[in-house]
Amino acid sequence: MINLTISVQIIVAASVYYVWIFRYFNVIKEFNQFGLSNLTRSFVGASKITLAALLIVGIWHPEFIAIPSALMGLFMVCAQYFHFKVKNPFLKHLPSLILLILCVLLTTTSLGLI
């Protein structure tokens, strides 16, 4: 189970880094589509990158997993809300839905619920 948790931490963190660094043009497009400000986009980006870094730190210090994964999960819930709000097709919902499921898995395992 430890190897699975570490793998999920790396997958979530790498996904966040990939989207917010290499696909930033897509982030700008989506936040504009959602009607959110540049300040909101900057706050969300900085928060997600920080949480992703804490998930990586959690590989060596497991006490850093529960809160960052729960907060990242909340960001994914918000992403789902905005995708529904603008009536995006399911395919657009899928990445944040998968990350939400992975964050729930991380949170529950780090709290000892699984």
PDB file of N, CA and C in Angstrom:
ATOM      1  N   MET A   1       0.823  -1.196   0.000  1.00  0.00           N
ATOM      2  CA  MET A   1       0.000   0.000   0.000  1.00  0.00           C
ATOM      3  C   MET A   1       0.868   1.261   0.000  1.00  0.00           C
ATOM      4  N   ILE A   2       2.029   1.178   0.628  1.00  0.00           N
ATOM      5  CA  ILE A   2       2.928   2.335   0.676  1.00  0.00           C
ATOM      6  C   ILE A   2       3.397   2.700  -0.728  1.00  0.00           C
ATOM      7  N   ASN A   3       3.759   1.703  -1.527  1.00  0.00           N
ATOM      8  CA  ASN A   3       4.199   1.974  -2.904  1.00  0.00           C
ATOM      9  C   ASN A   3       3.088   2.600  -3.735  1.00  0.00           C
ATOM     10  N   LEU A   4       1.856   2.141  -3.511  1.00  0.00           N
ATOM     11  CA  LEU A   4       0.711   2.706  -4.227  1.00  0.00           C
ATOM     12  C   LEU A   4       0.514   4.168  -3.833  1.00  0.00           C
ATOM     13  N   THR A   5       0.598   4.452  -2.547  1.00  0.00           N
ATOM     14  CA  THR A   5       0.433   5.827  -2.068  1.00  0.00           C
ATOM     15  C   THR A   5       1.503   6.743  -2.653  1.00  0.00           C
ATOM     16  N   ILE A   6       2.745   6.290  -2.639  1.00  0.00           N
ATOM     17  CA  ILE A   6       3.832   7.089  -3.200  1.00  0.00           C
ATOM     18  C   ILE A   6       3.614   7.319  -4.697  1.00  0.00           C
ATOM     19  N   SER A   7       3.192   6.285  -5.397  1.00  0.00           N
ATOM     20  CA  SER A   7       2.919   6.427  -6.837  1.00  0.00           C
ATOM     21  C   SER A   7       1.830   7.450  -7.097  1.00  0.00           C
ATOM     22  N   VAL A   8       0.766   7.395  -6.286  1.00  0.00           N
ATOM     23  CA  VAL A   8      -0.342   8.337  -6.459  1.00  0.00           C
ATOM     24  C   VAL A   8       0.116   9.760  -6.146  1.00  0.00           C
ATOM     25  N   GLN A   9       0.944   9.933  -5.111  1.00  0.00           N
ATOM     26  CA  GLN A   9       1.477  11.259  -4.794  1.00  0.00           C
ATOM     27  C   GLN A   9       2.259  11.820  -5.976  1.00  0.00           C
ATOM     28  N   ILE A  10       3.087  10.999  -6.570  1.00  0.00           N
ATOM     29  CA  ILE A  10       3.903  11.436  -7.707  1.00  0.00           C
ATOM     30  C   ILE A  10       3.016  11.746  -8.912  1.00  0.00           C
ATOM     31  N   ILE A  11       2.009  10.931  -9.159  1.00  0.00           N
ATOM     32  CA  ILE A  11       1.105  11.147 -10.292  1.00  0.00           C
ATOM     33  C   ILE A  11       0.352  12.463 -10.136  1.00  0.00           C
ATOM     34  N   VAL A  12      -0.192  12.709  -8.949  1.00  0.00           N
ATOM     35  CA  VAL A  12      -0.944  13.945  -8.718  1.00  0.00           C
ATOM     36  C   VAL A  12      -0.024  15.150  -8.864  1.00  0.00           C
ATOM     37  N   ALA A  13       1.137  15.108  -8.210  1.00  0.00           N
ATOM     38  CA  ALA A  13       2.069  16.242  -8.267  1.00  0.00           C
ATOM     39  C   ALA A  13       2.555  16.481  -9.696  1.00  0.00           C
ATOM     40  N   ALA A  14       2.931  15.426 -10.394  1.00  0.00           N
ATOM     41  CA  ALA A  14       3.431  15.573 -11.764  1.00  0.00           C
ATOM     42  C   ALA A  14       2.342  16.123 -12.686  1.00  0.00           C
ATOM     43  N   SER A  15       1.105  15.686 -12.485  1.00  0.00           N
ATOM     44  CA  SER A  15      -0.007  16.187 -13.299  1.00  0.00           C
ATOM     45  C   SER A  15      -0.206  17.685 -13.095  1.00  0.00           C
ATOM     46  N   VAL A  16      -0.156  18.105 -11.840  1.00  0.00           N
ATOM     47  CA  VAL A  16      -0.325  19.530 -11.537  1.00  0.00           C
ATOM     48  C   VAL A  16       0.808  20.339 -12.159  1.00  0.00           C
ATOM     49  N   TYR A  17       2.037  19.880 -11.983  1.00  0.00           N
ATOM     50  CA  TYR A  17       3.180  20.596 -12.567  1.00  0.00           C
ATOM     51  C   TYR A  17       3.063  20.674 -14.084  1.00  0.00           C
ATOM     52  N   TYR A  18       2.678  19.564 -14.710  1.00  0.00           N
ATOM     53  CA  TYR A  18       2.573  19.527 -16.166  1.00  0.00           C
ATOM     54  C   TYR A  18       1.552  20.555 -16.665  1.00  0.00           C
ATOM     55  N   VAL A  19       0.375  20.556 -16.038  1.00  0.00           N
ATOM     56  CA  VAL A  19      -0.685  21.455 -16.484  1.00  0.00           C
ATOM     57  C   VAL A  19      -0.319  22.911 -16.231  1.00  0.00           C
ATOM     58  N   TRP A  20       0.206  23.214 -15.048  1.00  0.00           N
ATOM     59  CA  TRP A  20       0.438  24.611 -14.674  1.00  0.00           C
ATOM     60  C   TRP A  20       1.751  25.171 -15.216  1.00  0.00           C
ATOM     61  N   ILE A  21       2.628  24.315 -15.734  1.00  0.00           N
ATOM     62  CA  ILE A  21       3.888  24.806 -16.303  1.00  0.00           C
ATOM     63  C   ILE A  21       3.880  24.673 -17.829  1.00  0.00           C
ATOM     64  N   PHE A  22       3.607  23.476 -18.329  1.00  0.00           N
ATOM     65  CA  PHE A  22       3.728  23.232 -19.765  1.00  0.00           C
ATOM     66  C   PHE A  22       2.443  23.468 -20.548  1.00  0.00           C
ATOM     67  N   ARG A  23       1.299  23.465 -19.876  1.00  0.00           N
ATOM     68  CA  ARG A  23       0.022  23.692 -20.573  1.00  0.00           C
ATOM     69  C   ARG A  23      -0.687  24.921 -20.018  1.00  0.00           C
ATOM     70  N   TYR A  24       0.100  25.889 -19.607  1.00  0.00           N
ATOM     71  CA  TYR A  24      -0.458  27.095 -18.994  1.00  0.00           C
ATOM     72  C   TYR A  24      -1.399  27.835 -19.939  1.00  0.00           C
ATOM     73  N   PHE A  25      -1.122  27.781 -21.237  1.00  0.00           N
ATOM     74  CA  PHE A  25      -2.007  28.425 -22.217  1.00  0.00           C
ATOM     75  C   PHE A  25      -3.420  27.859 -22.125  1.00  0.00           C
ATOM     76  N   ASN A  26      -3.539  26.574 -21.826  1.00  0.00           N
ATOM     77  CA  ASN A  26      -4.845  25.940 -21.674  1.00  0.00           C
ATOM     78  C   ASN A  26      -5.519  26.401 -20.376  1.00  0.00           C
ATOM     79  N   VAL A  27      -4.725  26.583 -19.329  1.00  0.00           N
ATOM     80  CA  VAL A  27      -5.251  27.077 -18.054  1.00  0.00           C
ATOM     81  C   VAL A  27      -5.850  28.471 -18.252  1.00  0.00           C
ATOM     82  N   ILE A  28      -5.135  29.329 -18.960  1.00  0.00           N
ATOM     83  CA  ILE A  28      -5.626  30.686 -19.222  1.00  0.00           C
ATOM     84  C   ILE A  28      -6.960  30.621 -19.961  1.00  0.00           C
ATOM     85  N   LYS A  29      -7.034  29.777 -20.969  1.00  0.00           N
ATOM     86  CA  LYS A  29      -8.265  29.631 -21.765  1.00  0.00           C
ATOM     87  C   LYS A  29      -9.428  29.160 -20.887  1.00  0.00           C
ATOM     88  N   GLU A  30      -9.177  28.153 -20.041  1.00  0.00           N
ATOM     89  CA  GLU A  30     -10.250  27.623 -19.198  1.00  0.00           C
ATOM     90  C   GLU A  30     -10.711  28.640 -18.157  1.00  0.00           C
ATOM     91  N   PHE A  31      -9.776  29.335 -17.518  1.00  0.00           N
ATOM     92  CA  PHE A  31     -10.178  30.317 -16.509  1.00  0.00           C
ATOM     93  C   PHE A  31     -10.963  31.453 -17.148  1.00  0.00           C
ATOM     94  N   ASN A  32     -10.612  31.835 -18.367  1.00  0.00           N
ATOM     95  CA  ASN A  32     -11.400  32.841 -19.090  1.00  0.00           C
ATOM     96  C   ASN A  32     -12.790  32.308 -19.403  1.00  0.00           C
ATOM     97  N   GLN A  33     -12.865  31.044 -19.818  1.00  0.00           N
ATOM     98  CA  GLN A  33     -14.154  30.422 -20.114  1.00  0.00           C
ATOM     99  C   GLN A  33     -15.024  30.367 -18.858  1.00  0.00           C
ATOM    100  N   PHE A  34     -14.394  30.118 -17.708  1.00  0.00           N
ATOM    101  CA  PHE A  34     -15.132  30.039 -16.442  1.00  0.00           C
ATOM    102  C   PHE A  34     -15.516  31.417 -15.915  1.00  0.00           C
ATOM    103  N   GLY A  35     -14.950  32.473 -16.486  1.00  0.00           N
ATOM    104  CA  GLY A  35     -15.246  33.826 -16.036  1.00  0.00           C
ATOM    105  C   GLY A  35     -14.502  34.206 -14.760  1.00  0.00           C
ATOM    106  N   LEU A  36     -13.353  33.580 -14.523  1.00  0.00           N
ATOM    107  CA  LEU A  36     -12.567  33.865 -13.322  1.00  0.00           C
ATOM    108  C   LEU A  36     -11.446  34.849 -13.632  1.00  0.00           C
ATOM    109  N   SER A  37     -11.056  35.626 -12.646  1.00  0.00           N
ATOM    110  CA  SER A  37     -10.064  36.684 -12.845  1.00  0.00           C
ATOM    111  C   SER A  37      -8.637  36.123 -12.907  1.00  0.00           C
ATOM    112  N   ASN A  38      -7.728  36.973 -13.365  1.00  0.00           N
ATOM    113  CA  ASN A  38      -6.303  36.610 -13.389  1.00  0.00           C
ATOM    114  C   ASN A  38      -5.773  36.405 -11.978  1.00  0.00           C
ATOM    115  N   LEU A  39      -6.270  37.193 -11.029  1.00  0.00           N
ATOM    116  CA  LEU A  39      -5.853  37.044  -9.634  1.00  0.00           C
ATOM    117  C   LEU A  39      -6.262  35.678  -9.093  1.00  0.00           C
ATOM    118  N   THR A  40      -7.470  35.266  -9.407  1.00  0.00           N
ATOM    119  CA  THR A  40      -7.940  33.946  -8.986  1.00  0.00           C
ATOM    120  C   THR A  40      -7.079  32.857  -9.613  1.00  0.00           C
ATOM    121  N   ARG A  41      -6.807  33.000 -10.903  1.00  0.00           N
ATOM    122  CA  ARG A  41      -5.963  32.019 -11.596  1.00  0.00           C
ATOM    123  C   ARG A  41      -4.579  31.941 -10.959  1.00  0.00           C
ATOM    124  N   SER A  42      -3.996  33.078 -10.624  1.00  0.00           N
ATOM    125  CA  SER A  42      -2.675  33.094  -9.999  1.00  0.00           C
ATOM    126  C   SER A  42      -2.705  32.448  -8.617  1.00  0.00           C
ATOM    127  N   PHE A  43      -3.751  32.734  -7.846  1.00  0.00           N
ATOM    128  CA  PHE A  43      -3.889  32.141  -6.516  1.00  0.00           C
ATOM    129  C   PHE A  43      -4.029  30.626  -6.609  1.00  0.00           C
ATOM    130  N   VAL A  44      -4.885  30.176  -7.502  1.00  0.00           N
ATOM    131  CA  VAL A  44      -5.098  28.734  -7.672  1.00  0.00           C
ATOM    132  C   VAL A  44      -3.808  28.057  -8.130  1.00  0.00           C
ATOM    133  N   GLY A  45      -3.117  28.654  -9.079  1.00  0.00           N
ATOM    134  CA  GLY A  45      -1.871  28.078  -9.583  1.00  0.00           C
ATOM    135  C   GLY A  45      -0.809  27.976  -8.499  1.00  0.00           C
ATOM    136  N   ALA A  46      -0.601  29.064  -7.758  1.00  0.00           N
ATOM    137  CA  ALA A  46       0.400  29.048  -6.684  1.00  0.00           C
ATOM    138  C   ALA A  46       0.033  28.037  -5.615  1.00  0.00           C
ATOM    139  N   SER A  47      -1.249  27.965  -5.295  1.00  0.00           N
ATOM    140  CA  SER A  47      -1.702  27.011  -4.274  1.00  0.00           C
ATOM    141  C   SER A  47      -1.507  25.572  -4.722  1.00  0.00           C
ATOM    142  N   LYS A  48      -1.891  25.278  -5.957  1.00  0.00           N
ATOM    143  CA  LYS A  48      -1.754  23.908  -6.456  1.00  0.00           C
ATOM    144  C   LYS A  48      -0.289  23.486  -6.552  1.00  0.00           C
ATOM    145  N   ILE A  49       0.574  24.381  -7.004  1.00  0.00           N
ATOM    146  CA  ILE A  49       1.996  24.043  -7.107  1.00  0.00           C
ATOM    147  C   ILE A  49       2.584  23.812  -5.714  1.00  0.00           C
ATOM    148  N   THR A  50       2.179  24.624  -4.737  1.00  0.00           N
ATOM    149  CA  THR A  50       2.640  24.434  -3.356  1.00  0.00           C
ATOM    150  C   THR A  50       2.133  23.115  -2.794  1.00  0.00           C
ATOM    151  N   LEU A  51       0.863  22.816  -3.007  1.00  0.00           N
ATOM    152  CA  LEU A  51       0.302  21.549  -2.516  1.00  0.00           C
ATOM    153  C   LEU A  51       0.976  20.353  -3.181  1.00  0.00           C
ATOM    154  N   ALA A  52       1.271  20.473  -4.464  1.00  0.00           N
ATOM    155  CA  ALA A  52       1.973  19.392  -5.169  1.00  0.00           C
ATOM    156  C   ALA A  52       3.360  19.179  -4.570  1.00  0.00           C
ATOM    157  N   ALA A  53       4.045  20.271  -4.243  1.00  0.00           N
ATOM    158  CA  ALA A  53       5.366  20.159  -3.615  1.00  0.00           C
ATOM    159  C   ALA A  53       5.257  19.471  -2.256  1.00  0.00           C
ATOM    160  N   LEU A  54       4.216  19.806  -1.498  1.00  0.00           N
ATOM    161  CA  LEU A  54       4.020  19.159  -0.195  1.00  0.00           C
ATOM    162  C   LEU A  54       3.710  17.668  -0.346  1.00  0.00           C
ATOM    163  N   LEU A  55       3.016  17.295  -1.418  1.00  0.00           N
ATOM    164  CA  LEU A  55       2.770  15.868  -1.664  1.00  0.00           C
ATOM    165  C   LEU A  55       4.080  15.136  -1.945  1.00  0.00           C
ATOM    166  N   ILE A  56       4.991  15.785  -2.637  1.00  0.00           N
ATOM    167  CA  ILE A  56       6.306  15.178  -2.884  1.00  0.00           C
ATOM    168  C   ILE A  56       7.080  15.067  -1.569  1.00  0.00           C
ATOM    169  N   VAL A  57       7.036  16.112  -0.748  1.00  0.00           N
ATOM    170  CA  VAL A  57       7.685  16.068   0.569  1.00  0.00           C
ATOM    171  C   VAL A  57       7.090  14.925   1.399  1.00  0.00           C
ATOM    172  N   GLY A  58       5.800  14.672   1.208  1.00  0.00           N
ATOM    173  CA  GLY A  58       5.111  13.611   1.935  1.00  0.00           C
ATOM    174  C   GLY A  58       5.653  12.216   1.664  1.00  0.00           C
ATOM    175  N   ILE A  59       6.442  12.053   0.620  1.00  0.00           N
ATOM    176  CA  ILE A  59       7.077  10.748   0.366  1.00  0.00           C
ATOM    177  C   ILE A  59       8.007  10.413   1.526  1.00  0.00           C
ATOM    178  N   TRP A  60       8.721  11.413   2.026  1.00  0.00           N
ATOM    179  CA  TRP A  60       9.664  11.210   3.126  1.00  0.00           C
ATOM    180  C   TRP A  60       9.070  11.553   4.488  1.00  0.00           C
ATOM    181  N   HIS A  61       8.044  12.395   4.491  1.00  0.00           N
ATOM    182  CA  HIS A  61       7.376  12.816   5.727  1.00  0.00           C
ATOM    183  C   HIS A  61       5.872  12.634   5.550  1.00  0.00           C
ATOM    184  N   PRO A  62       5.348  11.440   5.846  1.00  0.00           N
ATOM    185  CA  PRO A  62       3.933  11.137   5.580  1.00  0.00           C
ATOM    186  C   PRO A  62       2.932  12.071   6.256  1.00  0.00           C
ATOM    187  N   GLU A  63       3.351  12.784   7.285  1.00  0.00           N
ATOM    188  CA  GLU A  63       2.428  13.716   7.940  1.00  0.00           C
ATOM    189  C   GLU A  63       2.045  14.880   7.023  1.00  0.00           C
ATOM    190  N   PHE A  64       2.741  15.031   5.915  1.00  0.00           N
ATOM    191  CA  PHE A  64       2.446  16.099   4.958  1.00  0.00           C
ATOM    192  C   PHE A  64       1.501  15.654   3.838  1.00  0.00           C
ATOM    193  N   ILE A  65       0.858  14.515   3.977  1.00  0.00           N
ATOM    194  CA  ILE A  65       0.000  14.021   2.895  1.00  0.00           C
ATOM    195  C   ILE A  65      -1.461  14.419   3.066  1.00  0.00           C
ATOM    196  N   ALA A  66      -2.024  14.260   4.249  1.00  0.00           N
ATOM    197  CA  ALA A  66      -3.469  14.391   4.450  1.00  0.00           C
ATOM    198  C   ALA A  66      -4.009  15.772   4.069  1.00  0.00           C
ATOM    199  N   ILE A  67      -3.439  16.815   4.621  1.00  0.00           N
ATOM    200  CA  ILE A  67      -3.982  18.155   4.375  1.00  0.00           C
ATOM    201  C   ILE A  67      -3.763  18.594   2.925  1.00  0.00           C
ATOM    202  N   PRO A  68      -2.557  18.464   2.367  1.00  0.00           N
ATOM    203  CA  PRO A  68      -2.404  18.860   0.956  1.00  0.00           C
ATOM    204  C   PRO A  68      -3.291  18.062  -0.002  1.00  0.00           C
ATOM    205  N   SER A  69      -3.451  16.763   0.247  1.00  0.00           N
ATOM    206  CA  SER A  69      -4.294  15.977  -0.661  1.00  0.00           C
ATOM    207  C   SER A  69      -5.762  16.357  -0.505  1.00  0.00           C
ATOM    208  N   ALA A  70      -6.198  16.669   0.710  1.00  0.00           N
ATOM    209  CA  ALA A  70      -7.585  17.102   0.912  1.00  0.00           C
ATOM    210  C   ALA A  70      -7.834  18.453   0.241  1.00  0.00           C
ATOM    211  N   LEU A  71      -6.882  19.379   0.392  1.00  0.00           N
ATOM    212  CA  LEU A  71      -7.040  20.692  -0.243  1.00  0.00           C
ATOM    213  C   LEU A  71      -6.985  20.589  -1.767  1.00  0.00           C
ATOM    214  N   MET A  72      -6.092  19.732  -2.272  1.00  0.00           N
ATOM    215  CA  MET A  72      -6.030  19.526  -3.720  1.00  0.00           C
ATOM    216  C   MET A  72      -7.357  18.936  -4.207  1.00  0.00           C
ATOM    217  N   GLY A  73      -7.911  18.018  -3.432  1.00  0.00           N
ATOM    218  CA  GLY A  73      -9.209  17.449  -3.764  1.00  0.00           C
ATOM    219  C   GLY A  73     -10.297  18.510  -3.828  1.00  0.00           C
ATOM    220  N   LEU A  74     -10.243  19.481  -2.906  1.00  0.00           N
ATOM    221  CA  LEU A  74     -11.220  20.575  -2.936  1.00  0.00           C
ATOM    222  C   LEU A  74     -11.079  21.414  -4.205  1.00  0.00           C
ATOM    223  N   PHE A  75      -9.848  21.635  -4.630  1.00  0.00           N
ATOM    224  CA  PHE A  75      -9.645  22.341  -5.903  1.00  0.00           C
ATOM    225  C   PHE A  75     -10.255  21.546  -7.057  1.00  0.00           C
ATOM    226  N   MET A  76     -10.151  20.229  -6.996  1.00  0.00           N
ATOM    227  CA  MET A  76     -10.715  19.397  -8.066  1.00  0.00           C
ATOM    228  C   MET A  76     -12.241  19.402  -8.026  1.00  0.00           C
ATOM    229  N   VAL A  77     -12.824  19.486  -6.827  1.00  0.00           N
ATOM    230  CA  VAL A  77     -14.276  19.629  -6.713  1.00  0.00           C
ATOM    231  C   VAL A  77     -14.705  20.948  -7.357  1.00  0.00           C
ATOM    232  N   CYS A  78     -13.945  22.003  -7.088  1.00  0.00           N
ATOM    233  CA  CYS A  78     -14.238  23.307  -7.710  1.00  0.00           C
ATOM    234  C   CYS A  78     -14.115  23.226  -9.230  1.00  0.00           C
ATOM    235  N   ALA A  79     -13.105  22.525  -9.713  1.00  0.00           N
ATOM    236  CA  ALA A  79     -12.942  22.357 -11.160  1.00  0.00           C
ATOM    237  C   ALA A  79     -14.154  21.640 -11.748  1.00  0.00           C
ATOM    238  N   GLN A  80     -14.630  20.609 -11.056  1.00  0.00           N
ATOM    239  CA  GLN A  80     -15.820  19.901 -11.526  1.00  0.00           C
ATOM    240  C   GLN A  80     -17.020  20.849 -11.589  1.00  0.00           C
ATOM    241  N   TYR A  81     -17.178  21.654 -10.552  1.00  0.00           N
ATOM    242  CA  TYR A  81     -18.287  22.613 -10.516  1.00  0.00           C
ATOM    243  C   TYR A  81     -18.242  23.540 -11.733  1.00  0.00           C
ATOM    244  N   PHE A  82     -17.070  24.110 -12.005  1.00  0.00           N
ATOM    245  CA  PHE A  82     -16.970  25.057 -13.118  1.00  0.00           C
ATOM    246  C   PHE A  82     -17.138  24.372 -14.470  1.00  0.00           C
ATOM    247  N   HIS A  83     -16.681  23.133 -14.603  1.00  0.00           N
ATOM    248  CA  HIS A  83     -16.913  22.405 -15.855  1.00  0.00           C
ATOM    249  C   HIS A  83     -18.405  22.165 -16.065  1.00  0.00           C
ATOM    250  N   PHE A  84     -19.124  21.836 -14.973  1.00  0.00           N
ATOM    251  CA  PHE A  84     -20.578  21.668 -15.086  1.00  0.00           C
ATOM    252  C   PHE A  84     -21.255  23.001 -15.382  1.00  0.00           C
ATOM    253  N   LYS A  85     -20.783  24.059 -14.746  1.00  0.00           N
ATOM    254  CA  LYS A  85     -21.383  25.381 -14.910  1.00  0.00           C
ATOM    255  C   LYS A  85     -21.356  25.850 -16.360  1.00  0.00           C
ATOM    256  N   VAL A  86     -20.234  25.615 -17.045  1.00  0.00           N
ATOM    257  CA  VAL A  86     -20.134  26.047 -18.443  1.00  0.00           C
ATOM    258  C   VAL A  86     -20.548  24.942 -19.418  1.00  0.00           C
ATOM    259  N   LYS A  87     -21.048  23.829 -18.866  1.00  0.00           N
ATOM    260  CA  LYS A  87     -21.575  22.717 -19.670  1.00  0.00           C
ATOM    261  C   LYS A  87     -20.526  22.111 -20.613  1.00  0.00           C
ATOM    262  N   ASN A  88     -19.318  21.913 -20.084  1.00  0.00           N
ATOM    263  CA  ASN A  88     -18.278  21.250 -20.868  1.00  0.00           C
ATOM    264  C   ASN A  88     -18.639  19.780 -21.072  1.00  0.00           C
ATOM    265  N   PRO A  89     -18.180  19.174 -22.156  1.00  0.00           N
ATOM    266  CA  PRO A  89     -18.410  17.743 -22.355  1.00  0.00           C
ATOM    267  C   PRO A  89     -17.649  16.934 -21.281  1.00  0.00           C
ATOM    268  N   PHE A  90     -18.090  15.706 -21.071  1.00  0.00           N
ATOM    269  CA  PHE A  90     -17.521  14.863 -20.017  1.00  0.00           C
ATOM    270  C   PHE A  90     -16.008  14.707 -20.154  1.00  0.00           C
ATOM    271  N   LEU A  91     -15.526  14.664 -21.368  1.00  0.00           N
ATOM    272  CA  LEU A  91     -14.088  14.504 -21.593  1.00  0.00           C
ATOM    273  C   LEU A  91     -13.277  15.619 -20.930  1.00  0.00           C
ATOM    274  N   LYS A  92     -13.830  16.818 -20.852  1.00  0.00           N
ATOM    275  CA  LYS A  92     -13.161  17.938 -20.181  1.00  0.00           C
ATOM    276  C   LYS A  92     -13.193  17.770 -18.665  1.00  0.00           C
ATOM    277  N   HIS A  93     -14.196  17.059 -18.149  1.00  0.00           N
ATOM    278  CA  HIS A  93     -14.326  16.806 -16.714  1.00  0.00           C
ATOM    279  C   HIS A  93     -13.344  15.733 -16.244  1.00  0.00           C
ATOM    280  N   LEU A  94     -12.980  14.848 -17.135  1.00  0.00           N
ATOM    281  CA  LEU A  94     -12.256  13.630 -16.766  1.00  0.00           C
ATOM    282  C   LEU A  94     -10.938  13.858 -16.027  1.00  0.00           C
ATOM    283  N   PRO A  95     -10.036  14.732 -16.479  1.00  0.00           N
ATOM    284  CA  PRO A  95      -8.770  14.885 -15.757  1.00  0.00           C
ATOM    285  C   PRO A  95      -8.952  15.300 -14.293  1.00  0.00           C
ATOM    286  N   SER A  96      -9.794  16.308 -14.050  1.00  0.00           N
ATOM    287  CA  SER A  96      -9.988  16.736 -12.660  1.00  0.00           C
ATOM    288  C   SER A  96     -10.762  15.693 -11.862  1.00  0.00           C
ATOM    289  N   LEU A  97     -11.619  14.922 -12.506  1.00  0.00           N
ATOM    290  CA  LEU A  97     -12.328  13.856 -11.813  1.00  0.00           C
ATOM    291  C   LEU A  97     -11.360  12.751 -11.382  1.00  0.00           C
ATOM    292  N   ILE A  98     -10.450  12.385 -12.261  1.00  0.00           N
ATOM    293  CA  ILE A  98      -9.449  11.367 -11.913  1.00  0.00           C
ATOM    294  C   ILE A  98      -8.559  11.862 -10.777  1.00  0.00           C
ATOM    295  N   LEU A  99      -8.110  13.112 -10.858  1.00  0.00           N
ATOM    296  CA  LEU A  99      -7.286  13.663  -9.780  1.00  0.00           C
ATOM    297  C   LEU A  99      -8.069  13.760  -8.479  1.00  0.00           C
ATOM    298  N   LEU A 100      -9.360  14.058  -8.550  1.00  0.00           N
ATOM    299  CA  LEU A 100     -10.203  14.080  -7.354  1.00  0.00           C
ATOM    300  C   LEU A 100     -10.241  12.707  -6.697  1.00  0.00           C
ATOM    301  N   ILE A 101     -10.438  11.677  -7.487  1.00  0.00           N
ATOM    302  CA  ILE A 101     -10.476  10.308  -6.961  1.00  0.00           C
ATOM    303  C   ILE A 101      -9.132   9.948  -6.325  1.00  0.00           C
ATOM    304  N   LEU A 102      -8.040  10.314  -6.989  1.00  0.00           N
ATOM    305  CA  LEU A 102      -6.709  10.035  -6.440  1.00  0.00           C
ATOM    306  C   LEU A 102      -6.473  10.803  -5.137  1.00  0.00           C
ATOM    307  N   CYS A 103      -6.952  12.027  -5.054  1.00  0.00           N
ATOM    308  CA  CYS A 103      -6.798  12.817  -3.824  1.00  0.00           C
ATOM    309  C   CYS A 103      -7.617  12.223  -2.680  1.00  0.00           C
ATOM    310  N   VAL A 104      -8.806  11.737  -2.993  1.00  0.00           N
ATOM    311  CA  VAL A 104      -9.617  11.069  -1.964  1.00  0.00           C
ATOM    312  C   VAL A 104      -8.886   9.819  -1.477  1.00  0.00           C
ATOM    313  N   LEU A 105      -8.317   9.051  -2.392  1.00  0.00           N
ATOM    314  CA  LEU A 105      -7.547   7.862  -2.027  1.00  0.00           C
ATOM    315  C   LEU A 105      -6.375   8.250  -1.120  1.00  0.00           C
ATOM    316  N   LEU A 106      -5.626   9.272  -1.501  1.00  0.00           N
ATOM    317  CA  LEU A 106      -4.487   9.723  -0.684  1.00  0.00           C
ATOM    318  C   LEU A 106      -4.932  10.180   0.703  1.00  0.00           C
ATOM    319  N   THR A 107      -5.982  10.967   0.751  1.00  0.00           N
ATOM    320  CA  THR A 107      -6.457  11.497   2.033  1.00  0.00           C
ATOM    321  C   THR A 107      -6.912  10.361   2.952  1.00  0.00           C
ATOM    322  N   THR A 108      -7.702   9.453   2.418  1.00  0.00           N
ATOM    323  CA  THR A 108      -8.212   8.372   3.265  1.00  0.00           C
ATOM    324  C   THR A 108      -7.108   7.421   3.719  1.00  0.00           C
ATOM    325  N   THR A 109      -6.156   7.127   2.861  1.00  0.00           N
ATOM    326  CA  THR A 109      -5.066   6.231   3.288  1.00  0.00           C
ATOM    327  C   THR A 109      -4.150   6.924   4.293  1.00  0.00           C
ATOM    328  N   SER A 110      -3.895   8.208   4.110  1.00  0.00           N
ATOM    329  CA  SER A 110      -3.001   8.898   5.039  1.00  0.00           C
ATOM    330  C   SER A 110      -3.650   9.088   6.408  1.00  0.00           C
ATOM    331  N   LEU A 111      -4.967   9.122   6.456  1.00  0.00           N
ATOM    332  CA  LEU A 111      -5.663   9.227   7.734  1.00  0.00           C
ATOM    333  C   LEU A 111      -5.948   7.855   8.346  1.00  0.00           C
ATOM    334  N   GLY A 112      -5.559   6.808   7.644  1.00  0.00           N
ATOM    335  CA  GLY A 112      -5.749   5.450   8.153  1.00  0.00           C
ATOM    336  C   GLY A 112      -7.176   4.948   8.032  1.00  0.00           C
ATOM    337  N   LEU A 113      -7.961   5.543   7.143  1.00  0.00           N
ATOM    338  CA  LEU A 113      -9.348   5.117   6.965  1.00  0.00           C
ATOM    339  C   LEU A 113      -9.454   3.918   6.019  1.00  0.00           C
ATOM    340  N   ILE A 114      -8.383   3.657   5.282  1.00  0.00           N
ATOM    341  CA  ILE A 114      -8.357   2.482   4.392  1.00  0.00           C
ATOM    342  C   ILE A 114      -7.229   1.590   4.848  1.00  0.00           C
TER     343      ILE A 114
END
